């Protein structure tokens, strides 16, 4: 019984870390998306001078 619990513990920790990393990436992308739309709504051209 104790070997099963020891084997399951690292998997549970890894799952929580992966879930946290996914949420962080998702939050970063959503904030960037919202910021881009906010700048676009104000008429600020982020691509000016790239051509």
C-alpha atoms as a PDB file:
ATOM      1  CA  UNK A   1       0.000   0.000   0.000  1.00  0.00           C
ATOM      2  CA  UNK A   2       2.750   2.470   0.854  1.00  0.00           C
ATOM      3  CA  UNK A   3       4.600   1.788  -2.423  1.00  0.00           C
ATOM      4  CA  UNK A   4       1.464   2.693  -4.376  1.00  0.00           C
ATOM      5  CA  UNK A   5       1.120   5.996  -2.538  1.00  0.00           C
ATOM      6  CA  UNK A   6       4.821   6.778  -3.078  1.00  0.00           C
ATOM      7  CA  UNK A   7       4.512   6.058  -6.801  1.00  0.00           C
ATOM      8  CA  UNK A   8       1.396   8.225  -7.134  1.00  0.00           C
ATOM      9  CA  UNK A   9       2.834  11.282  -5.316  1.00  0.00           C
ATOM     10  CA  UNK A  10       5.295  12.451  -8.031  1.00  0.00           C
ATOM     11  CA  UNK A  11       2.616  12.060 -10.695  1.00  0.00           C
ATOM     12  CA  UNK A  12       0.216  14.251  -8.700  1.00  0.00           C
ATOM     13  CA  UNK A  13       2.864  16.954  -8.201  1.00  0.00           C
ATOM     14  CA  UNK A  14       3.786  16.891 -11.899  1.00  0.00           C
ATOM     15  CA  UNK A  15       0.117  17.196 -12.903  1.00  0.00           C
ATOM     16  CA  UNK A  16      -0.360  20.256 -10.689  1.00  0.00           C
ATOM     17  CA  UNK A  17       2.773  21.884 -12.122  1.00  0.00           C
ATOM     18  CA  UNK A  18       1.650  21.234 -15.692  1.00  0.00           C
ATOM     19  CA  UNK A  19      -1.802  22.622 -14.940  1.00  0.00           C
ATOM     20  CA  UNK A  20      -0.272  25.740 -13.386  1.00  0.00           C
ATOM     21  CA  UNK A  21       2.068  26.241 -16.353  1.00  0.00           C
ATOM     22  CA  UNK A  22      -0.856  25.868 -18.776  1.00  0.00           C
ATOM     23  CA  UNK A  23      -2.893  28.446 -16.852  1.00  0.00           C
ATOM     24  CA  UNK A  24       0.055  30.851 -16.829  1.00  0.00           C
ATOM     25  CA  UNK A  25       0.532  30.537 -20.592  1.00  0.00           C
ATOM     26  CA  UNK A  26      -3.197  30.938 -21.191  1.00  0.00           C
ATOM     27  CA  UNK A  27      -3.341  34.026 -18.971  1.00  0.00           C
ATOM     28  CA  UNK A  28      -0.309  35.570 -20.741  1.00  0.00           C
ATOM     29  CA  UNK A  29      -1.874  35.007 -24.164  1.00  0.00           C
ATOM     30  CA  UNK A  30      -5.243  36.424 -23.102  1.00  0.00           C
ATOM     31  CA  UNK A  31      -3.645  39.550 -21.623  1.00  0.00           C
ATOM     32  CA  UNK A  32      -1.643  40.083 -24.821  1.00  0.00           C
ATOM     33  CA  UNK A  33      -4.758  39.582 -26.928  1.00  0.00           C
ATOM     34  CA  UNK A  34      -6.745  42.099 -24.884  1.00  0.00           C
ATOM     35  CA  UNK A  35      -3.876  44.608 -24.919  1.00  0.00           C
ATOM     36  CA  UNK A  36      -3.580  44.300 -28.706  1.00  0.00           C
ATOM     37  CA  UNK A  37      -7.279  44.951 -29.187  1.00  0.00           C
ATOM     38  CA  UNK A  38      -7.108  47.902 -26.808  1.00  0.00           C
ATOM     39  CA  UNK A  39      -4.268  49.465 -28.764  1.00  0.00           C
ATOM     40  CA  UNK A  40      -6.008  48.739 -32.061  1.00  0.00           C
ATOM     41  CA  UNK A  41      -9.211  50.385 -30.792  1.00  0.00           C
ATOM     42  CA  UNK A  42      -7.229  53.541 -29.981  1.00  0.00           C
ATOM     43  CA  UNK A  43      -5.691  53.557 -33.454  1.00  0.00           C
ATOM     44  CA  UNK A  44      -2.116  52.743 -32.429  1.00  0.00           C
ATOM     45  CA  UNK A  45      -0.299  50.859 -35.202  1.00  0.00           C
ATOM     46  CA  UNK A  46       2.058  48.271 -33.742  1.00  0.00           C
ATOM     47  CA  UNK A  47       3.494  47.449 -37.164  1.00  0.00           C
ATOM     48  CA  UNK A  48       4.528  50.984 -38.105  1.00  0.00           C
ATOM     49  CA  UNK A  49       8.034  51.159 -39.508  1.00  0.00           C
ATOM     50  CA  UNK A  50       8.435  47.431 -40.136  1.00  0.00           C
ATOM     51  CA  UNK A  51       8.219  47.709 -43.926  1.00  0.00           C
END
